[in-house]
Structures are given as structure tokens and as C-alpha cells.
Amino acid sequence: MTVDRIVHLVAGMMVLLSLLLSHLHHPDWIWLTAFVGLNLAQSGITSFCPLAFLLKKAGVPEGNACA
């Protein structure tokens, strides 16, 4: 897997997890969804993604997920 695919996968899973937790456990888990959304928007504007940075440092190969 490439960095882009992992970033997309983790973001999607975090959104789904936070929605599930906000429904089953406590409504404040919806803030995790907001954080993920803000992080995605910030990375789209600045081209800096903390998760991608860490994955690259860990040696995960780069690639284009949408190709």
C-alpha cells in the first residue's frame, strides 16, 4: 500500500468510527469527525498531512491513490 491509500483509508475509518461511537456511546465523539474533516481541509490547502509525513518517515512507499 502507498502513503496516499493509507491516508484515505485511515481518514475514512476514523470518520466511520467516530460516527458509530457518537451514536452508540456519547454524542461528543462527533468532534473526532470534525477534527478529521478539518485536517483533510487543511492538508488540501497547505499540502501538509501529518499522517503522510509520519508514514513517509516510516518508509512507506509514495504513490498516487487515484491513478
Protein backbone atom coordinates (compact mmCIF):
# COMPACT_ATOMS: atom_id res chain seq x y z
CA MET A 1 0.00 0.00 0.00
CA THR A 2 1.09 3.54 -0.65
CA VAL A 3 1.02 6.61 1.58
CA ASP A 4 -1.97 8.11 -0.24
CA ARG A 5 -4.04 4.93 0.03
CA ILE A 6 -3.28 4.58 3.75
CA VAL A 7 -4.17 8.23 4.42
CA HIS A 8 -7.51 7.83 2.62
CA LEU A 9 -8.21 4.56 4.42
CA VAL A 10 -7.39 5.93 7.88
CA ALA A 11 -9.42 9.11 7.32
CA GLY A 12 -12.45 7.15 6.16
CA MET A 13 -12.22 4.66 9.00
CA MET A 14 -11.85 7.45 11.59
CA VAL A 15 -14.99 9.17 10.28
CA LEU A 16 -16.97 5.92 10.35
CA LEU A 17 -15.66 5.02 13.81
CA SER A 18 -16.48 8.43 15.27
CA LEU A 19 -19.99 8.33 13.82
CA LEU A 20 -20.53 4.88 15.29
CA LEU A 21 -19.18 5.93 18.69
CA SER A 22 -21.26 9.11 18.72
CA HIS A 23 -24.37 7.04 18.01
CA LEU A 24 -23.68 4.19 20.44
CA HIS A 25 -21.64 5.76 23.22
CA HIS A 26 -21.68 9.56 23.52
CA PRO A 27 -22.55 12.40 21.11
CA ASP A 28 -19.26 14.20 21.80
CA TRP A 29 -17.45 11.65 19.60
CA ILE A 30 -18.74 13.68 16.65
CA TRP A 31 -15.87 16.09 17.39
CA LEU A 32 -13.48 13.45 16.06
CA THR A 33 -15.32 13.63 12.74
CA ALA A 34 -14.93 17.41 12.78
CA PHE A 35 -11.20 17.09 13.52
CA VAL A 36 -10.69 14.65 10.65
CA GLY A 37 -12.61 16.94 8.29
CA LEU A 38 -10.60 19.98 9.35
CA ASN A 39 -7.36 18.04 8.94
CA LEU A 40 -8.39 16.96 5.43
CA ALA A 41 -9.29 20.54 4.51
CA GLN A 42 -6.02 21.86 5.95
CA SER A 43 -3.96 19.28 4.09
CA GLY A 44 -5.78 20.12 0.87
CA ILE A 45 -4.91 23.80 1.26
CA THR A 46 -1.34 23.50 2.60
CA SER A 47 -0.29 20.13 1.08
CA PHE A 48 0.91 19.05 4.54
CA CYS A 49 -0.60 15.94 6.10
CA PRO A 50 0.79 14.82 9.48
CA LEU A 51 -0.09 11.16 8.84
CA ALA A 52 1.54 11.19 5.41
CA PHE A 53 4.64 12.78 6.93
CA LEU A 54 4.88 10.02 9.55
CA LEU A 55 4.24 7.27 7.01
CA LYS A 56 6.99 8.60 4.72
CA LYS A 57 9.39 8.71 7.66
CA ALA A 58 8.47 5.09 8.40
CA GLY A 59 9.46 4.08 4.87
CA VAL A 60 6.04 3.51 3.31
CA PRO A 61 6.29 3.96 -0.48
CA GLU A 62 4.71 7.03 -2.03
CA GLY A 63 2.18 6.79 -4.81
CA ASN A 64 -0.99 8.18 -6.28
CA ALA A 65 -4.13 6.58 -4.86
CA CYS A 66 -6.39 7.97 -7.57
CA ALA A 67 -4.37 6.74 -10.54
